[in-house]
Amino acid sequence: MKKTLLIYYSYGGTTKHLAEELKNELKLDSHQLELKNDLQGIFKMVFKIPFLMMFKKCPALKPINIDFEQYDNIIIGMPVWMATFAAPIRTFIRDTNLSGKNIALFCSSGTNPGHVFADFKSLLPDNDYVSELKLKNAEKNLETSVIKLKGWASELF
């Protein structure tokens, strides 16, 4: 039987809520990506995050102690920052070997999710991308977003 892992990063809590609902519904192994130095606070939100995004920086993550060889399928959840994936996802992509994995992507965004998945795929072009789900205004429509996410995920792999 093929095993599935759920990986996600959450800044404001919406993606975490969605991921936890998905984890519980499908009984998935999961891991929340965490930064070594958090980005909370108005100064960091106004200056640090745009800097990371503009210059495609990779903020340091806390160690990920997962044997990715155990998993055939990876679901990755992320918030949208400046019409693309959040900077910590860039670090994860850079530091993790996901070769040969079946990947499904979901994102939560407050506005237009932009080119989030095209940008992600450009950094990992050799994988099989099974499906994508953009949850626009997920924070405002959390219940509806959870229902959409569960329905989408039940059809994966």
Foldseek 3Di string as FASTA:
>chain_A
DAAEEEEEEDQPCLQVVLSVLQCVVVVHHYDYWAAPDHQDDDVSVVPVQVVCVVVVHAGHTDDDPDDCVRHQEYEYEAEADPLEGGRNVSNVLVPDDPANHEYEYEYEYAAHNHCHVVVVCVSVVRYHHFYYYYHYNCVVVVVVVSVVSNVVVVPTD
